[in-house]
Amino acid sequence: MSFTIAGMGSQIGIQHPTSAQLRTHLLDRRVSELAREQHAVVSRRQLLDLGMGRRAIAGRLERRQLHEVFRGVYVVGVRRISRRGRWMAAVLACGDGAVLSHRSAGRLWRLLPPASERVDVTCPGAEVERRGIVGHRSRLRDDEWLVHDGIPVTSPFRTIFDLAAVVETRELERAFHEAEAREMTDPVSLPMLLERYPGRRGSKNLWALLEARGPIGITRSEFEEAFVALVDRFGLRRPRMNASLAIRGRFFEIDALWQRERVAVELDSREIHGTYKKFESDRLRDRILIAEGWRTMRVTWRQLQDEPCEIAEDLKKALGQGHHPHPPGK
């Protein structure tokens, strides 16, 4: 709106905004507010729902107040668009029920490194054909998606489930371990998804990962990395590292845990286990585990360096993996 004053003390020269100008100003403000909630993008349908006519939309495009990102989706006021803005624009372009998925969801959840590529979107209807968008057709259940950072997206584990069909095994493994390392939570688990959708592409890779030689969790020290290296060297199935275990209403953190075989290994370091308090809690944990039918084992750094074959042999016996006194190639 504009106001011009012809002379001081006179109302004659004031140009009052018309009702049409006020409506336009109010509409543009509502569009700007919506765009701020959606990473600077809006859809044509949303503009029509707000009351903006087709001619008004065309005029704003001509005046470069709107810039088309995908067909029927616009960035408001600026030409540059953020990565999240592009993701949101792709979701809007695919219509009701669409969510960010696959590689793009993996990047939103920070399970995959950033990359410039087409945007993956899953929608319940027919597969979407849009330049710059990879459409996937699937009807998601309510516990398989959510809104994160303002963007509808597949949940973390549904994202990993989808990634299994489109990425190499090593990339899938990294995404899975990243979710474990960051202790991400999800109403739906990977085993639940594998049961819901049997025979889906990538399922074998996911089952292999869950049964994995790859550790679930993270290592926190050179000692733990060396222990995992020993496990790999002797062909043992990898344990879960720094795993939580609930027994008798207590929660213990186990350095290396084989859940199925009920084997727990503590990597004894004087720096960590040398205090009186830690000494007592370790013995309490060992007593409870043994009473509940677990095998416990303690390994020191010196033993790991000087007696790797003996440690591996003891682990194989505990895990029931047979007699292999030397690593492959020895």
C-alpha atoms as a PDB file:
ATOM      1  CA  MET A   1       0.000   0.000   0.000  1.00  0.00           C
ATOM      2  CA  SER A   2       1.122   3.556  -0.621  1.00  0.00           C
ATOM      3  CA  PHE A   3       0.263   6.839   1.120  1.00  0.00           C
ATOM      4  CA  THR A   4       1.009  10.280  -0.345  1.00  0.00           C
ATOM      5  CA  ILE A   5       0.464  13.484   1.555  1.00  0.00           C
ATOM      6  CA  ALA A   6      -0.139  16.600  -0.543  1.00  0.00           C
ATOM      7  CA  GLY A   7       0.307  19.063   2.280  1.00  0.00           C
ATOM      8  CA  MET A   8       0.722  19.210   6.005  1.00  0.00           C
ATOM      9  CA  GLY A   9      -2.531  19.460   7.935  1.00  0.00           C
ATOM     10  CA  SER A  10      -4.657  18.388   4.959  1.00  0.00           C
ATOM     11  CA  GLN A  11      -6.439  15.056   4.428  1.00  0.00           C
ATOM     12  CA  ILE A  12      -7.282  15.819   0.818  1.00  0.00           C
ATOM     13  CA  GLY A  13      -4.076  14.387  -0.697  1.00  0.00           C
ATOM     14  CA  ILE A  14      -4.044  11.059   1.214  1.00  0.00           C
ATOM     15  CA  GLN A  15      -4.552   8.007  -1.025  1.00  0.00           C
ATOM     16  CA  HIS A  16      -6.332   5.371   1.064  1.00  0.00           C
ATOM     17  CA  PRO A  17      -5.828   1.729   0.137  1.00  0.00           C
ATOM     18  CA  THR A  18      -8.797   0.135  -1.569  1.00  0.00           C
ATOM     19  CA  SER A  19     -10.493  -2.979  -0.221  1.00  0.00           C
ATOM     20  CA  ALA A  20      -8.938  -4.942  -3.094  1.00  0.00           C
ATOM     21  CA  GLN A  21      -5.453  -3.755  -2.116  1.00  0.00           C
ATOM     22  CA  LEU A  22      -6.086  -4.718   1.500  1.00  0.00           C
ATOM     23  CA  ARG A  23      -7.233  -8.175   0.441  1.00  0.00           C
ATOM     24  CA  THR A  24      -4.142  -8.577  -1.725  1.00  0.00           C
ATOM     25  CA  HIS A  25      -1.867  -7.461   1.112  1.00  0.00           C
ATOM     26  CA  LEU A  26      -3.540  -9.872   3.542  1.00  0.00           C
ATOM     27  CA  LEU A  27      -3.330 -12.732   1.045  1.00  0.00           C
ATOM     28  CA  ASP A  28       0.364 -12.151   0.357  1.00  0.00           C
ATOM     29  CA  ARG A  29       1.035 -12.104   4.090  1.00  0.00           C
ATOM     30  CA  ARG A  30      -0.740 -15.447   4.537  1.00  0.00           C
ATOM     31  CA  VAL A  31       1.249 -16.918   1.648  1.00  0.00           C
ATOM     32  CA  SER A  32       4.503 -15.689   3.215  1.00  0.00           C
ATOM     33  CA  GLU A  33       3.560 -17.213   6.579  1.00  0.00           C
ATOM     34  CA  LEU A  34       2.791 -20.567   4.947  1.00  0.00           C
ATOM     35  CA  ALA A  35       6.058 -20.456   2.990  1.00  0.00           C
ATOM     36  CA  ARG A  36       8.034 -19.846   6.190  1.00  0.00           C
ATOM     37  CA  GLU A  37       6.563 -23.044   7.627  1.00  0.00           C
ATOM     38  CA  GLN A  38       7.487 -25.015   4.484  1.00  0.00           C
ATOM     39  CA  HIS A  39      11.098 -24.011   3.807  1.00  0.00           C
ATOM     40  CA  ALA A  40      10.011 -21.122   1.493  1.00  0.00           C
ATOM     41  CA  VAL A  41       7.840 -23.210  -0.856  1.00  0.00           C
ATOM     42  CA  VAL A  42       4.089 -23.440  -1.550  1.00  0.00           C
ATOM     43  CA  SER A  43       2.000 -25.443  -3.971  1.00  0.00           C
ATOM     44  CA  ARG A  44      -0.464 -24.114  -6.540  1.00  0.00           C
ATOM     45  CA  ARG A  45      -3.224 -26.008  -4.765  1.00  0.00           C
ATOM     46  CA  GLN A  46      -2.374 -24.304  -1.472  1.00  0.00           C
ATOM     47  CA  LEU A  47      -2.475 -20.889  -3.149  1.00  0.00           C
ATOM     48  CA  LEU A  48      -5.894 -21.642  -4.612  1.00  0.00           C
ATOM     49  CA  ASP A  49      -7.111 -22.851  -1.202  1.00  0.00           C
ATOM     50  CA  LEU A  50      -5.948 -19.565   0.334  1.00  0.00           C
ATOM     51  CA  GLY A  51      -8.091 -17.688  -2.186  1.00  0.00           C
ATOM     52  CA  MET A  52      -5.527 -16.661  -4.807  1.00  0.00           C
ATOM     53  CA  GLY A  53      -6.953 -16.886  -8.311  1.00  0.00           C
ATOM     54  CA  ARG A  54      -5.246 -18.345 -11.352  1.00  0.00           C
ATOM     55  CA  ARG A  55      -4.654 -14.895 -12.901  1.00  0.00           C
ATOM     56  CA  ALA A  56      -3.151 -13.661  -9.627  1.00  0.00           C
ATOM     57  CA  ILE A  57      -0.774 -16.639  -9.567  1.00  0.00           C
ATOM     58  CA  ALA A  58       0.221 -15.999 -13.191  1.00  0.00           C
ATOM     59  CA  GLY A  59       0.830 -12.325 -12.388  1.00  0.00           C
ATOM     60  CA  ARG A  60       3.106 -13.134  -9.465  1.00  0.00           C
ATOM     61  CA  LEU A  61       5.059 -15.535 -11.660  1.00  0.00           C
ATOM     62  CA  GLU A  62       5.477 -12.796 -14.285  1.00  0.00           C
ATOM     63  CA  ARG A  63       6.601 -10.307 -11.619  1.00  0.00           C
ATOM     64  CA  ARG A  64       8.957 -12.978 -10.217  1.00  0.00           C
ATOM     65  CA  GLN A  65       7.347 -12.988  -6.812  1.00  0.00           C
ATOM     66  CA  LEU A  66       6.994 -16.754  -7.345  1.00  0.00           C
ATOM     67  CA  HIS A  67       9.517 -19.081  -9.002  1.00  0.00           C
ATOM     68  CA  GLU A  68       8.560 -22.582 -10.104  1.00  0.00           C
ATOM     69  CA  VAL A  69      10.601 -25.424  -8.564  1.00  0.00           C
ATOM     70  CA  PHE A  70       8.532 -28.368  -9.820  1.00  0.00           C
ATOM     71  CA  ARG A  71       5.345 -28.196 -11.839  1.00  0.00           C
ATOM     72  CA  GLY A  72       2.738 -26.619  -9.572  1.00  0.00           C
ATOM     73  CA  VAL A  73       5.149 -25.823  -6.712  1.00  0.00           C
ATOM     74  CA  TYR A  74       6.834 -22.457  -6.189  1.00  0.00           C
ATOM     75  CA  VAL A  75       9.477 -20.854  -4.029  1.00  0.00           C
ATOM     76  CA  VAL A  76       8.223 -17.561  -2.625  1.00  0.00           C
ATOM     77  CA  GLY A  77      10.171 -14.323  -2.998  1.00  0.00           C
ATOM     78  CA  VAL A  78      13.635 -15.756  -3.677  1.00  0.00           C
ATOM     79  CA  ARG A  79      15.208 -17.714  -6.520  1.00  0.00           C
ATOM     80  CA  ARG A  80      17.612 -19.782  -4.410  1.00  0.00           C
ATOM     81  CA  ILE A  81      16.204 -22.742  -2.545  1.00  0.00           C
ATOM     82  CA  SER A  82      17.707 -24.795   0.290  1.00  0.00           C
ATOM     83  CA  ARG A  83      18.092 -28.570   0.156  1.00  0.00           C
ATOM     84  CA  ARG A  84      15.209 -28.913   2.610  1.00  0.00           C
ATOM     85  CA  GLY A  85      13.157 -26.549   0.489  1.00  0.00           C
ATOM     86  CA  ARG A  86      13.720 -28.747  -2.542  1.00  0.00           C
ATOM     87  CA  TRP A  87      12.749 -31.849  -0.553  1.00  0.00           C
ATOM     88  CA  MET A  88       9.571 -30.144   0.653  1.00  0.00           C
ATOM     89  CA  ALA A  89       8.776 -28.943  -2.864  1.00  0.00           C
ATOM     90  CA  ALA A  90       9.068 -32.490  -4.206  1.00  0.00           C
ATOM     91  CA  VAL A  91       6.708 -33.805  -1.520  1.00  0.00           C
ATOM     92  CA  LEU A  92       4.165 -31.070  -2.342  1.00  0.00           C
ATOM     93  CA  ALA A  93       4.490 -31.797  -6.064  1.00  0.00           C
ATOM     94  CA  CYS A  94       3.482 -35.425  -5.494  1.00  0.00           C
ATOM     95  CA  GLY A  95       0.174 -34.636  -3.815  1.00  0.00           C
ATOM     96  CA  ASP A  96      -1.745 -35.936  -0.800  1.00  0.00           C
ATOM     97  CA  GLY A  97      -0.097 -38.693   1.206  1.00  0.00           C
ATOM     98  CA  ALA A  98       3.351 -38.158  -0.319  1.00  0.00           C
ATOM     99  CA  VAL A  99       6.427 -38.351   1.918  1.00  0.00           C
ATOM    100  CA  LEU A 100      10.163 -37.986   1.453  1.00  0.00           C
ATOM    101  CA  SER A 101      11.752 -41.449   1.302  1.00  0.00           C
ATOM    102  CA  HIS A 102      14.693 -43.664   0.326  1.00  0.00           C
ATOM    103  CA  ARG A 103      17.997 -41.810  -0.236  1.00  0.00           C
ATOM    104  CA  SER A 104      16.509 -38.367   0.349  1.00  0.00           C
ATOM    105  CA  ALA A 105      14.979 -39.481   3.655  1.00  0.00           C
ATOM    106  CA  GLY A 106      18.311 -41.047   4.574  1.00  0.00           C
ATOM    107  CA  ARG A 107      19.961 -37.670   4.080  1.00  0.00           C
ATOM    108  CA  LEU A 108      17.297 -35.809   6.033  1.00  0.00           C
ATOM    109  CA  TRP A 109      17.832 -38.233   8.941  1.00  0.00           C
ATOM    110  CA  ARG A 110      21.628 -37.857   8.448  1.00  0.00           C
ATOM    111  CA  LEU A 111      22.023 -41.597   7.857  1.00  0.00           C
ATOM    112  CA  LEU A 112      23.702 -40.910   4.484  1.00  0.00           C
ATOM    113  CA  PRO A 113      26.186 -38.210   3.470  1.00  0.00           C
ATOM    114  CA  PRO A 114      24.875 -35.186   1.518  1.00  0.00           C
ATOM    115  CA  ALA A 115      24.681 -35.498  -2.267  1.00  0.00           C
ATOM    116  CA  SER A 116      23.072 -33.674  -5.171  1.00  0.00           C
ATOM    117  CA  GLU A 117      20.616 -35.969  -6.900  1.00  0.00           C
ATOM    118  CA  ARG A 118      16.953 -36.399  -7.710  1.00  0.00           C
ATOM    119  CA  VAL A 119      14.521 -36.386  -4.785  1.00  0.00           C
ATOM    120  CA  ASP A 120      12.953 -39.687  -3.663  1.00  0.00           C
ATOM    121  CA  VAL A 121       9.265 -39.465  -2.769  1.00  0.00           C
ATOM    122  CA  THR A 122       6.838 -42.251  -1.852  1.00  0.00           C
ATOM    123  CA  CYS A 123       3.137 -41.731  -2.562  1.00  0.00           C
ATOM    124  CA  PRO A 124       0.088 -43.987  -2.247  1.00  0.00           C
ATOM    125  CA  GLY A 125      -1.270 -43.443  -5.756  1.00  0.00           C
ATOM    126  CA  ALA A 126       0.212 -43.911  -9.188  1.00  0.00           C
ATOM    127  CA  GLU A 127       3.938 -43.389  -9.522  1.00  0.00           C
ATOM    128  CA  VAL A 128       4.773 -39.731 -10.044  1.00  0.00           C
ATOM    129  CA  GLU A 129       6.555 -38.604 -13.188  1.00  0.00           C
ATOM    130  CA  ARG A 130       8.303 -35.307 -12.511  1.00  0.00           C
ATOM    131  CA  ARG A 131      11.671 -34.160 -13.715  1.00  0.00           C
ATOM    132  CA  GLY A 132      14.025 -34.238 -10.745  1.00  0.00           C
ATOM    133  CA  ILE A 133      11.820 -36.573  -8.666  1.00  0.00           C
ATOM    134  CA  VAL A 134      12.069 -40.355  -8.257  1.00  0.00           C
ATOM    135  CA  GLY A 135       8.577 -41.591  -7.441  1.00  0.00           C
ATOM    136  CA  HIS A 136       7.912 -44.771  -5.441  1.00  0.00           C
ATOM    137  CA  ARG A 137       4.444 -46.239  -5.081  1.00  0.00           C
ATOM    138  CA  SER A 138       3.553 -47.585  -1.637  1.00  0.00           C
ATOM    139  CA  ARG A 139       0.814 -47.121   0.944  1.00  0.00           C
ATOM    140  CA  LEU A 140       2.513 -46.436   4.259  1.00  0.00           C
ATOM    141  CA  ARG A 141       1.019 -47.270   7.629  1.00  0.00           C
ATOM    142  CA  ASP A 142       0.683 -44.510  10.208  1.00  0.00           C
ATOM    143  CA  ASP A 143       3.706 -45.711  12.215  1.00  0.00           C
ATOM    144  CA  GLU A 144       5.962 -45.692   9.145  1.00  0.00           C
ATOM    145  CA  TRP A 145       6.116 -41.936   8.572  1.00  0.00           C
ATOM    146  CA  LEU A 146       6.151 -38.675  10.511  1.00  0.00           C
ATOM    147  CA  VAL A 147       6.886 -34.969  10.096  1.00  0.00           C
ATOM    148  CA  HIS A 148      10.520 -34.077  10.784  1.00  0.00           C
ATOM    149  CA  ASP A 149      11.780 -30.507  10.453  1.00  0.00           C
ATOM    150  CA  GLY A 150       8.461 -29.646   8.831  1.00  0.00           C
ATOM    151  CA  ILE A 151       8.800 -32.316   6.109  1.00  0.00           C
ATOM    152  CA  PRO A 152       6.662 -35.482   5.857  1.00  0.00           C
ATOM    153  CA  VAL A 153       9.213 -38.311   5.749  1.00  0.00           C
ATOM    154  CA  THR A 154       9.479 -42.046   6.291  1.00  0.00           C
ATOM    155  CA  SER A 155      10.470 -42.985   9.842  1.00  0.00           C
ATOM    156  CA  PRO A 156      14.154 -43.835  10.459  1.00  0.00           C
ATOM    157  CA  PHE A 157      13.768 -47.626  10.278  1.00  0.00           C
ATOM    158  CA  ARG A 158      11.257 -47.488   7.419  1.00  0.00           C
ATOM    159  CA  THR A 159      13.897 -45.381   5.645  1.00  0.00           C
ATOM    160  CA  ILE A 160      16.526 -48.072   6.232  1.00  0.00           C
ATOM    161  CA  PHE A 161      14.028 -50.714   5.071  1.00  0.00           C
ATOM    162  CA  ASP A 162      13.533 -48.774   1.804  1.00  0.00           C
ATOM    163  CA  LEU A 163      17.256 -48.154   1.378  1.00  0.00           C
ATOM    164  CA  ALA A 164      17.876 -51.904   1.359  1.00  0.00           C
ATOM    165  CA  ALA A 165      16.227 -52.040  -2.075  1.00  0.00           C
ATOM    166  CA  VAL A 166      18.226 -49.252  -3.708  1.00  0.00           C
ATOM    167  CA  VAL A 167      21.746 -49.006  -2.221  1.00  0.00           C
ATOM    168  CA  GLU A 168      24.808 -51.216  -2.074  1.00  0.00           C
ATOM    169  CA  THR A 169      25.280 -53.447   0.969  1.00  0.00           C
ATOM    170  CA  ARG A 170      28.076 -51.349   2.448  1.00  0.00           C
ATOM    171  CA  GLU A 171      26.038 -48.136   2.175  1.00  0.00           C
ATOM    172  CA  LEU A 172      23.092 -49.887   3.846  1.00  0.00           C
ATOM    173  CA  GLU A 173      25.379 -51.114   6.615  1.00  0.00           C
ATOM    174  CA  ARG A 174      26.694 -47.588   7.242  1.00  0.00           C
ATOM    175  CA  ALA A 175      23.165 -46.173   7.467  1.00  0.00           C
ATOM    176  CA  PHE A 176      22.122 -48.941   9.864  1.00  0.00           C
ATOM    177  CA  HIS A 177      25.143 -48.432  12.093  1.00  0.00           C
ATOM    178  CA  GLU A 178      24.647 -44.668  12.075  1.00  0.00           C
ATOM    179  CA  ALA A 179      21.094 -45.127  13.375  1.00  0.00           C
ATOM    180  CA  GLU A 180      22.372 -47.471  16.081  1.00  0.00           C
ATOM    181  CA  ALA A 181      25.241 -45.172  17.036  1.00  0.00           C
ATOM    182  CA  ARG A 182      22.859 -42.227  17.444  1.00  0.00           C
ATOM    183  CA  GLU A 183      20.391 -44.424  19.353  1.00  0.00           C
ATOM    184  CA  MET A 184      17.543 -43.437  17.052  1.00  0.00           C
ATOM    185  CA  THR A 185      14.091 -44.606  18.119  1.00  0.00           C
ATOM    186  CA  ASP A 186      11.150 -45.624  15.985  1.00  0.00           C
ATOM    187  CA  PRO A 187       7.681 -47.049  16.711  1.00  0.00           C
ATOM    188  CA  VAL A 188       8.292 -49.672  14.034  1.00  0.00           C
ATOM    189  CA  SER A 189      11.342 -51.970  14.065  1.00  0.00           C
ATOM    190  CA  LEU A 190      13.162 -53.562  11.150  1.00  0.00           C
ATOM    191  CA  PRO A 191      12.008 -57.100  12.072  1.00  0.00           C
ATOM    192  CA  MET A 192       8.406 -55.810  12.154  1.00  0.00           C
ATOM    193  CA  LEU A 193       8.806 -54.286   8.683  1.00  0.00           C
ATOM    194  CA  LEU A 194      10.366 -57.471   7.317  1.00  0.00           C
ATOM    195  CA  GLU A 195       7.387 -59.437   8.622  1.00  0.00           C
ATOM    196  CA  ARG A 196       4.885 -56.908   7.219  1.00  0.00           C
ATOM    197  CA  TYR A 197       6.415 -56.957   3.741  1.00  0.00           C
ATOM    198  CA  PRO A 198       7.927 -60.422   3.147  1.00  0.00           C
ATOM    199  CA  GLY A 199       9.898 -60.907  -0.007  1.00  0.00           C
ATOM    200  CA  ARG A 200      10.508 -57.221  -0.633  1.00  0.00           C
ATOM    201  CA  ARG A 201      13.613 -56.372  -2.622  1.00  0.00           C
ATOM    202  CA  GLY A 202      16.582 -55.993  -0.278  1.00  0.00           C
ATOM    203  CA  SER A 203      15.041 -58.121   2.494  1.00  0.00           C
ATOM    204  CA  LYS A 204      17.835 -60.681   2.334  1.00  0.00           C
ATOM    205  CA  ASN A 205      20.420 -57.950   2.848  1.00  0.00           C
ATOM    206  CA  LEU A 206      18.513 -56.635   5.857  1.00  0.00           C
ATOM    207  CA  TRP A 207      18.149 -60.066   7.433  1.00  0.00           C
ATOM    208  CA  ALA A 208      21.873 -60.600   6.894  1.00  0.00           C
ATOM    209  CA  LEU A 209      22.560 -57.257   8.557  1.00  0.00           C
ATOM    210  CA  LEU A 210      20.408 -58.114  11.561  1.00  0.00           C
ATOM    211  CA  GLU A 211      22.225 -61.426  11.906  1.00  0.00           C
ATOM    212  CA  ALA A 212      25.330 -59.643  11.115  1.00  0.00           C
ATOM    213  CA  ARG A 213      28.982 -59.920  11.288  1.00  0.00           C
ATOM    214  CA  GLY A 214      28.876 -56.137  11.374  1.00  0.00           C
ATOM    215  CA  PRO A 215      28.722 -54.783  14.922  1.00  0.00           C
ATOM    216  CA  ILE A 216      25.516 -53.132  16.031  1.00  0.00           C
ATOM    217  CA  GLY A 217      26.512 -50.058  17.952  1.00  0.00           C
ATOM    218  CA  ILE A 218      29.758 -48.140  18.123  1.00  0.00           C
ATOM    219  CA  THR A 219      33.254 -48.642  19.424  1.00  0.00           C
ATOM    220  CA  ARG A 220      34.580 -46.044  21.839  1.00  0.00           C
ATOM    221  CA  SER A 221      38.263 -46.849  22.100  1.00  0.00           C
ATOM    222  CA  GLU A 222      41.267 -48.350  20.366  1.00  0.00           C
ATOM    223  CA  PHE A 223      40.861 -51.361  22.665  1.00  0.00           C
ATOM    224  CA  GLU A 224      37.344 -52.040  21.382  1.00  0.00           C
ATOM    225  CA  GLU A 225      38.412 -51.524  17.744  1.00  0.00           C
ATOM    226  CA  ALA A 226      41.230 -54.030  18.284  1.00  0.00           C
ATOM    227  CA  PHE A 227      38.794 -56.554  19.750  1.00  0.00           C
ATOM    228  CA  VAL A 228      36.475 -56.239  16.722  1.00  0.00           C
ATOM    229  CA  ALA A 229      39.528 -56.676  14.464  1.00  0.00           C
ATOM    230  CA  LEU A 230      40.362 -59.903  16.294  1.00  0.00           C
ATOM    231  CA  VAL A 231      36.789 -61.146  15.852  1.00  0.00           C
ATOM    232  CA  ASP A 232      37.026 -60.443  12.102  1.00  0.00           C
ATOM    233  CA  ARG A 233      40.476 -61.973  11.817  1.00  0.00           C
ATOM    234  CA  PHE A 234      39.293 -65.307  13.194  1.00  0.00           C
ATOM    235  CA  GLY A 235      36.020 -65.363  11.261  1.00  0.00           C
ATOM    236  CA  LEU A 236      33.686 -64.958  14.247  1.00  0.00           C
ATOM    237  CA  ARG A 237      30.259 -63.377  14.013  1.00  0.00           C
ATOM    238  CA  ARG A 238      30.567 -59.825  15.248  1.00  0.00           C
ATOM    239  CA  PRO A 239      29.010 -58.884  18.599  1.00  0.00           C
ATOM    240  CA  ARG A 240      26.972 -55.852  19.547  1.00  0.00           C
ATOM    241  CA  MET A 241      29.377 -53.348  21.042  1.00  0.00           C
ATOM    242  CA  ASN A 242      28.455 -51.272  24.100  1.00  0.00           C
ATOM    243  CA  ALA A 243      25.084 -52.991  24.170  1.00  0.00           C
ATOM    244  CA  SER A 244      22.394 -52.455  26.791  1.00  0.00           C
ATOM    245  CA  LEU A 245      21.101 -55.572  28.539  1.00  0.00           C
ATOM    246  CA  ALA A 246      18.177 -55.695  30.969  1.00  0.00           C
ATOM    247  CA  ILE A 247      18.214 -58.447  33.628  1.00  0.00           C
ATOM    248  CA  ARG A 248      16.283 -58.610  36.910  1.00  0.00           C
ATOM    249  CA  GLY A 249      15.087 -55.052  36.501  1.00  0.00           C
ATOM    250  CA  ARG A 250      18.660 -53.784  36.134  1.00  0.00           C
ATOM    251  CA  PHE A 251      20.307 -52.366  33.030  1.00  0.00           C
ATOM    252  CA  PHE A 252      23.903 -53.251  32.256  1.00  0.00           C
ATOM    253  CA  GLU A 253      26.105 -52.006  29.435  1.00  0.00           C
ATOM    254  CA  ILE A 254      28.126 -54.869  27.948  1.00  0.00           C
ATOM    255  CA  ASP A 255      31.332 -54.144  26.031  1.00  0.00           C
ATOM    256  CA  ALA A 256      30.734 -57.002  23.563  1.00  0.00           C
ATOM    257  CA  LEU A 257      27.492 -58.970  23.554  1.00  0.00           C
ATOM    258  CA  TRP A 258      26.333 -62.024  21.624  1.00  0.00           C
ATOM    259  CA  GLN A 259      22.632 -62.048  22.547  1.00  0.00           C
ATOM    260  CA  ARG A 260      21.621 -65.293  20.884  1.00  0.00           C
ATOM    261  CA  GLU A 261      24.520 -67.273  22.352  1.00  0.00           C
ATOM    262  CA  ARG A 262      24.197 -65.483  25.733  1.00  0.00           C
ATOM    263  CA  VAL A 263      27.877 -64.552  25.794  1.00  0.00           C
ATOM    264  CA  ALA A 264      29.127 -61.289  27.336  1.00  0.00           C
ATOM    265  CA  VAL A 265      32.715 -60.049  27.105  1.00  0.00           C
ATOM    266  CA  GLU A 266      34.137 -57.256  29.243  1.00  0.00           C
ATOM    267  CA  LEU A 267      37.242 -55.499  27.915  1.00  0.00           C
ATOM    268  CA  ASP A 268      39.146 -54.767  31.112  1.00  0.00           C
ATOM    269  CA  SER A 269      41.025 -51.485  31.116  1.00  0.00           C
ATOM    270  CA  ARG A 270      42.626 -50.069  34.247  1.00  0.00           C
ATOM    271  CA  GLU A 271      41.573 -46.576  33.158  1.00  0.00           C
ATOM    272  CA  ILE A 272      37.901 -47.531  33.153  1.00  0.00           C
ATOM    273  CA  HIS A 273      37.627 -50.460  35.529  1.00  0.00           C
ATOM    274  CA  GLY A 274      40.248 -49.507  38.103  1.00  0.00           C
ATOM    275  CA  THR A 275      37.998 -47.650  40.545  1.00  0.00           C
ATOM    276  CA  TYR A 276      36.505 -49.330  43.622  1.00  0.00           C
ATOM    277  CA  LYS A 277      32.969 -48.468  42.511  1.00  0.00           C
ATOM    278  CA  LYS A 278      33.499 -49.977  39.064  1.00  0.00           C
ATOM    279  CA  PHE A 279      35.165 -53.054  40.572  1.00  0.00           C
ATOM    280  CA  GLU A 280      32.101 -53.711  42.730  1.00  0.00           C
ATOM    281  CA  SER A 281      29.553 -53.099  39.935  1.00  0.00           C
ATOM    282  CA  ASP A 282      31.484 -55.396  37.566  1.00  0.00           C
ATOM    283  CA  ARG A 283      31.376 -58.257  40.067  1.00  0.00           C
ATOM    284  CA  LEU A 284      27.669 -57.715  40.707  1.00  0.00           C
ATOM    285  CA  ARG A 285      26.992 -57.801  36.984  1.00  0.00           C
ATOM    286  CA  ASP A 286      29.076 -60.982  36.498  1.00  0.00           C
ATOM    287  CA  ARG A 287      27.294 -62.736  39.355  1.00  0.00           C
ATOM    288  CA  ILE A 288      23.827 -61.921  37.990  1.00  0.00           C
ATOM    289  CA  LEU A 289      24.731 -62.871  34.423  1.00  0.00           C
ATOM    290  CA  ILE A 290      26.178 -66.233  35.447  1.00  0.00           C
ATOM    291  CA  ALA A 291      23.177 -66.977  37.657  1.00  0.00           C
ATOM    292  CA  GLU A 292      20.870 -66.236  34.700  1.00  0.00           C
ATOM    293  CA  GLY A 293      22.719 -68.629  32.404  1.00  0.00           C
ATOM    294  CA  TRP A 294      25.100 -66.282  30.604  1.00  0.00           C
ATOM    295  CA  ARG A 295      28.755 -66.978  29.865  1.00  0.00           C
ATOM    296  CA  THR A 296      30.995 -64.075  30.857  1.00  0.00           C
ATOM    297  CA  MET A 297      34.570 -63.456  29.830  1.00  0.00           C
ATOM    298  CA  ARG A 298      37.110 -60.754  30.667  1.00  0.00           C
ATOM    299  CA  VAL A 299      39.861 -59.758  28.239  1.00  0.00           C
ATOM    300  CA  THR A 300      42.738 -57.375  28.963  1.00  0.00           C
ATOM    301  CA  TRP A 301      44.721 -55.316  26.477  1.00  0.00           C
ATOM    302  CA  ARG A 302      47.857 -57.372  27.149  1.00  0.00           C
ATOM    303  CA  GLN A 303      45.988 -60.633  26.518  1.00  0.00           C
ATOM    304  CA  LEU A 304      44.538 -59.235  23.313  1.00  0.00           C
ATOM    305  CA  GLN A 305      48.036 -58.382  22.069  1.00  0.00           C
ATOM    306  CA  ASP A 306      49.891 -61.459  23.332  1.00  0.00           C
ATOM    307  CA  GLU A 307      47.317 -64.258  23.182  1.00  0.00           C
ATOM    308  CA  PRO A 308      44.982 -63.612  20.230  1.00  0.00           C
ATOM    309  CA  CYS A 309      44.735 -67.280  19.193  1.00  0.00           C
ATOM    310  CA  GLU A 310      43.880 -68.389  22.724  1.00  0.00           C
ATOM    311  CA  ILE A 311      41.208 -65.680  23.080  1.00  0.00           C
ATOM    312  CA  ALA A 312      39.714 -66.606  19.702  1.00  0.00           C
ATOM    313  CA  GLU A 313      39.639 -70.284  20.619  1.00  0.00           C
ATOM    314  CA  ASP A 314      37.863 -69.556  23.904  1.00  0.00           C
ATOM    315  CA  LEU A 315      35.359 -67.347  22.114  1.00  0.00           C
ATOM    316  CA  LYS A 316      34.670 -70.021  19.490  1.00  0.00           C
ATOM    317  CA  LYS A 317      33.978 -72.575  22.195  1.00  0.00           C
ATOM    318  CA  ALA A 318      31.688 -70.186  24.062  1.00  0.00           C
ATOM    319  CA  LEU A 319      29.845 -69.317  20.849  1.00  0.00           C
ATOM    320  CA  GLY A 320      29.705 -72.899  19.626  1.00  0.00           C
ATOM    321  CA  GLN A 321      31.539 -72.130  16.399  1.00  0.00           C
ATOM    322  CA  GLY A 322      33.819 -75.134  16.387  1.00  0.00           C
ATOM    323  CA  HIS A 323      37.558 -75.617  16.722  1.00  0.00           C
ATOM    324  CA  HIS A 324      39.768 -73.309  14.673  1.00  0.00           C
ATOM    325  CA  PRO A 325      43.016 -72.743  16.591  1.00  0.00           C
ATOM    326  CA  HIS A 326      44.498 -70.407  13.980  1.00  0.00           C
ATOM    327  CA  PRO A 327      43.116 -67.545  11.905  1.00  0.00           C
ATOM    328  CA  PRO A 328      42.500 -68.093   8.184  1.00  0.00           C
ATOM    329  CA  GLY A 329      45.708 -68.214   6.209  1.00  0.00           C
ATOM    330  CA  LYS A 330      47.841 -69.326   9.173  1.00  0.00           C
END
